[in-house]
């Protein structure tokens, strides 16, 4: 794995954990990919899209 991507993933893990610890109750949890701008974003399934876009 590329060194830069490893550093980006490690930093994203820390930020994601902190964001999930301090989020308000009832809000959806943050995903690791939200904090990794250079990583490929996972595709939404139909069920996830319907849930998010209501």
PDB file of N, CA and C in Angstrom:
ATOM      1  N   UNK A   1       0.849  -1.172   0.000  1.00  0.00           N
ATOM      2  CA  UNK A   1       0.000   0.000   0.000  1.00  0.00           C
ATOM      3  C   UNK A   1       0.896   1.237   0.000  1.00  0.00           C
ATOM      4  N   UNK A   2       0.476   2.240  -0.665  1.00  0.00           N
ATOM      5  CA  UNK A   2       1.207   3.501  -0.787  1.00  0.00           C
ATOM      6  C   UNK A   2       1.325   4.186   0.574  1.00  0.00           C
ATOM      7  N   UNK A   3       2.486   4.729   0.877  1.00  0.00           N
ATOM      8  CA  UNK A   3       2.735   5.349   2.186  1.00  0.00           C
ATOM      9  C   UNK A   3       1.771   6.499   2.460  1.00  0.00           C
ATOM     10  N   UNK A   4       1.527   7.317   1.455  1.00  0.00           N
ATOM     11  CA  UNK A   4       0.614   8.443   1.632  1.00  0.00           C
ATOM     12  C   UNK A   4      -0.794   7.996   1.969  1.00  0.00           C
ATOM     13  N   UNK A   5      -1.251   6.918   1.327  1.00  0.00           N
ATOM     14  CA  UNK A   5      -2.588   6.403   1.608  1.00  0.00           C
ATOM     15  C   UNK A   5      -2.662   5.788   3.003  1.00  0.00           C
ATOM     16  N   UNK A   6      -1.566   5.178   3.445  1.00  0.00           N
ATOM     17  CA  UNK A   6      -1.541   4.613   4.799  1.00  0.00           C
ATOM     18  C   UNK A   6      -1.660   5.720   5.838  1.00  0.00           C
ATOM     19  N   UNK A   7      -0.961   6.830   5.611  1.00  0.00           N
ATOM     20  CA  UNK A   7      -1.030   7.965   6.533  1.00  0.00           C
ATOM     21  C   UNK A   7      -2.428   8.572   6.510  1.00  0.00           C
ATOM     22  N   UNK A   8      -2.995   8.711   5.313  1.00  0.00           N
ATOM     23  CA  UNK A   8      -4.344   9.268   5.185  1.00  0.00           C
ATOM     24  C   UNK A   8      -5.360   8.382   5.908  1.00  0.00           C
ATOM     25  N   UNK A   9      -5.227   7.071   5.771  1.00  0.00           N
ATOM     26  CA  UNK A   9      -6.158   6.149   6.436  1.00  0.00           C
ATOM     27  C   UNK A   9      -6.020   6.223   7.953  1.00  0.00           C
ATOM     28  N   UNK A  10      -4.786   6.311   8.449  1.00  0.00           N
ATOM     29  CA  UNK A  10      -4.569   6.390   9.892  1.00  0.00           C
ATOM     30  C   UNK A  10      -5.182   7.674  10.459  1.00  0.00           C
ATOM     31  N   UNK A  11      -4.974   8.784   9.766  1.00  0.00           N
ATOM     32  CA  UNK A  11      -5.545  10.049  10.225  1.00  0.00           C
ATOM     33  C   UNK A  11      -7.073  10.003  10.155  1.00  0.00           C
ATOM     34  N   UNK A  12      -7.609   9.403   9.100  1.00  0.00           N
ATOM     35  CA  UNK A  12      -9.059   9.303   8.950  1.00  0.00           C
ATOM     36  C   UNK A  12      -9.659   8.438  10.054  1.00  0.00           C
ATOM     37  N   UNK A  13      -8.955   7.387  10.464  1.00  0.00           N
ATOM     38  CA  UNK A  13      -9.453   6.546  11.560  1.00  0.00           C
ATOM     39  C   UNK A  13      -9.602   7.339  12.849  1.00  0.00           C
ATOM     40  N   UNK A  14      -8.596   8.136  13.153  1.00  0.00           N
ATOM     41  CA  UNK A  14      -8.625   8.940  14.377  1.00  0.00           C
ATOM     42  C   UNK A  14      -9.765   9.953  14.321  1.00  0.00           C
ATOM     43  N   UNK A  15      -9.893  10.642  13.200  1.00  0.00           N
ATOM     44  CA  UNK A  15     -10.934  11.659  13.066  1.00  0.00           C
ATOM     45  C   UNK A  15     -12.321  11.019  13.094  1.00  0.00           C
ATOM     46  N   UNK A  16     -12.470   9.880  12.434  1.00  0.00           N
ATOM     47  CA  UNK A  16     -13.755   9.187  12.409  1.00  0.00           C
ATOM     48  C   UNK A  16     -14.168   8.740  13.810  1.00  0.00           C
ATOM     49  N   UNK A  17     -13.231   8.215  14.563  1.00  0.00           N
ATOM     50  CA  UNK A  17     -13.536   7.800  15.930  1.00  0.00           C
ATOM     51  C   UNK A  17     -13.956   8.986  16.789  1.00  0.00           C
ATOM     52  N   UNK A  18     -13.249  10.086  16.659  1.00  0.00           N
ATOM     53  CA  UNK A  18     -13.587  11.282  17.434  1.00  0.00           C
ATOM     54  C   UNK A  18     -14.956  11.821  17.039  1.00  0.00           C
ATOM     55  N   UNK A  19     -15.224  11.855  15.738  1.00  0.00           N
ATOM     56  CA  UNK A  19     -16.516  12.363  15.265  1.00  0.00           C
ATOM     57  C   UNK A  19     -17.661  11.485  15.763  1.00  0.00           C
ATOM     58  N   UNK A  20     -17.463  10.174  15.758  1.00  0.00           N
ATOM     59  CA  UNK A  20     -18.517   9.273  16.234  1.00  0.00           C
ATOM     60  C   UNK A  20     -18.693   9.352  17.747  1.00  0.00           C
ATOM     61  N   UNK A  21     -17.623   9.629  18.471  1.00  0.00           N
ATOM     62  CA  UNK A  21     -17.741   9.773  19.924  1.00  0.00           C
ATOM     63  C   UNK A  21     -18.533  11.018  20.299  1.00  0.00           C
ATOM     64  N   UNK A  22     -18.431  12.078  19.491  1.00  0.00           N
ATOM     65  CA  UNK A  22     -19.033  13.359  19.842  1.00  0.00           C
ATOM     66  C   UNK A  22     -20.268  13.704  19.009  1.00  0.00           C
ATOM     67  N   UNK A  23     -20.815  12.728  18.292  1.00  0.00           N
ATOM     68  CA  UNK A  23     -22.016  13.010  17.501  1.00  0.00           C
ATOM     69  C   UNK A  23     -23.239  12.979  18.406  1.00  0.00           C
ATOM     70  N   UNK A  24     -24.293  13.640  17.972  1.00  0.00           N
ATOM     71  CA  UNK A  24     -25.524  13.677  18.743  1.00  0.00           C
ATOM     72  C   UNK A  24     -26.248  12.341  18.616  1.00  0.00           C
ATOM     73  N   UNK A  25     -26.973  11.971  19.649  1.00  0.00           N
ATOM     74  CA  UNK A  25     -27.737  10.728  19.622  1.00  0.00           C
ATOM     75  C   UNK A  25     -28.796  10.799  18.529  1.00  0.00           C
ATOM     76  N   UNK A  26     -28.990   9.711  17.844  1.00  0.00           N
ATOM     77  CA  UNK A  26     -29.998   9.666  16.801  1.00  0.00           C
ATOM     78  C   UNK A  26     -29.482  10.020  15.422  1.00  0.00           C
ATOM     79  N   UNK A  27     -28.287  10.556  15.331  1.00  0.00           N
ATOM     80  CA  UNK A  27     -27.723  10.865  14.022  1.00  0.00           C
ATOM     81  C   UNK A  27     -26.936   9.659  13.522  1.00  0.00           C
ATOM     82  N   UNK A  28     -26.877   9.478  12.210  1.00  0.00           N
ATOM     83  CA  UNK A  28     -26.138   8.317  11.695  1.00  0.00           C
ATOM     84  C   UNK A  28     -24.642   8.447  11.971  1.00  0.00           C
ATOM     85  N   UNK A  29     -23.999   7.306  12.142  1.00  0.00           N
ATOM     86  CA  UNK A  29     -22.568   7.335  12.430  1.00  0.00           C
ATOM     87  C   UNK A  29     -21.776   7.660  11.167  1.00  0.00           C
ATOM     88  N   UNK A  30     -20.598   8.197  11.360  1.00  0.00           N
ATOM     89  CA  UNK A  30     -19.721   8.553  10.255  1.00  0.00           C
ATOM     90  C   UNK A  30     -18.997   7.313   9.750  1.00  0.00           C
ATOM     91  N   UNK A  31     -18.692   7.292   8.477  1.00  0.00           N
ATOM     92  CA  UNK A  31     -17.949   6.208   7.859  1.00  0.00           C
ATOM     93  C   UNK A  31     -16.512   6.657   7.621  1.00  0.00           C
ATOM     94  N   UNK A  32     -15.594   5.729   7.661  1.00  0.00           N
ATOM     95  CA  UNK A  32     -14.182   6.028   7.449  1.00  0.00           C
ATOM     96  C   UNK A  32     -13.951   6.700   6.097  1.00  0.00           C
ATOM     97  N   UNK A  33     -14.664   6.274   5.076  1.00  0.00           N
ATOM     98  CA  UNK A  33     -14.458   6.819   3.729  1.00  0.00           C
ATOM     99  C   UNK A  33     -14.834   8.302   3.627  1.00  0.00           C
ATOM    100  N   UNK A  34     -15.643   8.807   4.557  1.00  0.00           N
ATOM    101  CA  UNK A  34     -16.019  10.217   4.534  1.00  0.00           C
ATOM    102  C   UNK A  34     -14.836  11.128   4.846  1.00  0.00           C
ATOM    103  N   UNK A  35     -13.817  10.586   5.491  1.00  0.00           N
ATOM    104  CA  UNK A  35     -12.662  11.379   5.895  1.00  0.00           C
ATOM    105  C   UNK A  35     -11.429  11.067   5.061  1.00  0.00           C
ATOM    106  N   UNK A  36     -11.602  10.322   3.975  1.00  0.00           N
ATOM    107  CA  UNK A  36     -10.489   9.969   3.092  1.00  0.00           C
ATOM    108  C   UNK A  36     -10.782  10.512   1.696  1.00  0.00           C
ATOM    109  N   UNK A  37     -10.367  11.741   1.389  1.00  0.00           N
ATOM    110  CA  UNK A  37     -10.729  12.351   0.107  1.00  0.00           C
ATOM    111  C   UNK A  37     -10.108  11.667  -1.113  1.00  0.00           C
ATOM    112  N   UNK A  38      -9.010  10.952  -0.954  1.00  0.00           N
ATOM    113  CA  UNK A  38      -8.371  10.320  -2.102  1.00  0.00           C
ATOM    114  C   UNK A  38      -8.754   8.858  -2.285  1.00  0.00           C
ATOM    115  N   UNK A  39      -9.565   8.319  -1.419  1.00  0.00           N
ATOM    116  CA  UNK A  39     -10.001   6.926  -1.528  1.00  0.00           C
ATOM    117  C   UNK A  39     -11.272   6.861  -2.372  1.00  0.00           C
ATOM    118  N   UNK A  40     -11.499   5.719  -2.982  1.00  0.00           N
ATOM    119  CA  UNK A  40     -12.727   5.518  -3.743  1.00  0.00           C
ATOM    120  C   UNK A  40     -13.899   5.409  -2.782  1.00  0.00           C
ATOM    121  N   UNK A  41     -14.980   6.109  -3.113  1.00  0.00           N
ATOM    122  CA  UNK A  41     -16.173   6.062  -2.281  1.00  0.00           C
ATOM    123  C   UNK A  41     -16.955   4.795  -2.610  1.00  0.00           C
ATOM    124  N   UNK A  42     -17.441   4.081  -1.608  1.00  0.00           N
ATOM    125  CA  UNK A  42     -18.213   2.867  -1.881  1.00  0.00           C
ATOM    126  C   UNK A  42     -19.548   3.210  -2.549  1.00  0.00           C
ATOM    127  N   UNK A  43     -19.991   2.319  -3.419  1.00  0.00           N
ATOM    128  CA  UNK A  43     -21.269   2.512  -4.099  1.00  0.00           C
ATOM    129  C   UNK A  43     -22.413   2.282  -3.114  1.00  0.00           C
ATOM    130  N   UNK A  44     -23.476   3.077  -3.259  1.00  0.00           N
ATOM    131  CA  UNK A  44     -24.657   2.903  -2.424  1.00  0.00           C
ATOM    132  C   UNK A  44     -25.511   1.763  -2.961  1.00  0.00           C
ATOM    133  N   UNK A  45     -26.056   0.976  -2.062  1.00  0.00           N
ATOM    134  CA  UNK A  45     -27.039  -0.014  -2.471  1.00  0.00           C
ATOM    135  C   UNK A  45     -28.389   0.680  -2.561  1.00  0.00           C
ATOM    136  N   UNK A  46     -29.333   0.022  -3.156  1.00  0.00           N
ATOM    137  CA  UNK A  46     -30.669   0.609  -3.301  1.00  0.00           C
ATOM    138  C   UNK A  46     -31.284   0.898  -1.935  1.00  0.00           C
ATOM    139  N   UNK A  47     -31.093  -0.016  -0.985  1.00  0.00           N
ATOM    140  CA  UNK A  47     -31.665   0.177   0.347  1.00  0.00           C
ATOM    141  C   UNK A  47     -31.017   1.370   1.053  1.00  0.00           C
ATOM    142  N   UNK A  48     -29.695   1.507   0.928  1.00  0.00           N
ATOM    143  CA  UNK A  48     -29.002   2.642   1.552  1.00  0.00           C
ATOM    144  C   UNK A  48     -29.444   3.958   0.937  1.00  0.00           C
ATOM    145  N   UNK A  49     -29.604   3.986  -0.369  1.00  0.00           N
ATOM    146  CA  UNK A  49     -30.037   5.209  -1.052  1.00  0.00           C
ATOM    147  C   UNK A  49     -31.442   5.607  -0.603  1.00  0.00           C
ATOM    148  N   UNK A  50     -32.333   4.630  -0.522  1.00  0.00           N
ATOM    149  CA  UNK A  50     -33.701   4.925  -0.087  1.00  0.00           C
ATOM    150  C   UNK A  50     -33.719   5.429   1.345  1.00  0.00           C
ATOM    151  N   UNK A  51     -32.858   4.865   2.195  1.00  0.00           N
ATOM    152  CA  UNK A  51     -32.805   5.289   3.597  1.00  0.00           C
ATOM    153  C   UNK A  51     -32.260   6.699   3.727  1.00  0.00           C
ATOM    154  N   UNK A  52     -31.202   7.007   2.974  1.00  0.00           N
ATOM    155  CA  UNK A  52     -30.577   8.329   3.068  1.00  0.00           C
ATOM    156  C   UNK A  52     -31.437   9.425   2.451  1.00  0.00           C
ATOM    157  N   UNK A  53     -32.051   9.121   1.300  1.00  0.00           N
ATOM    158  CA  UNK A  53     -32.763  10.164   0.579  1.00  0.00           C
ATOM    159  C   UNK A  53     -34.252  10.141   0.835  1.00  0.00           C
ATOM    160  N   UNK A  54     -34.660   9.245   1.712  1.00  0.00           N
ATOM    161  CA  UNK A  54     -35.989   9.110   2.221  1.00  0.00           C
ATOM    162  C   UNK A  54     -37.149   9.206   1.341  1.00  0.00           C
TER     163      UNK A  54
END
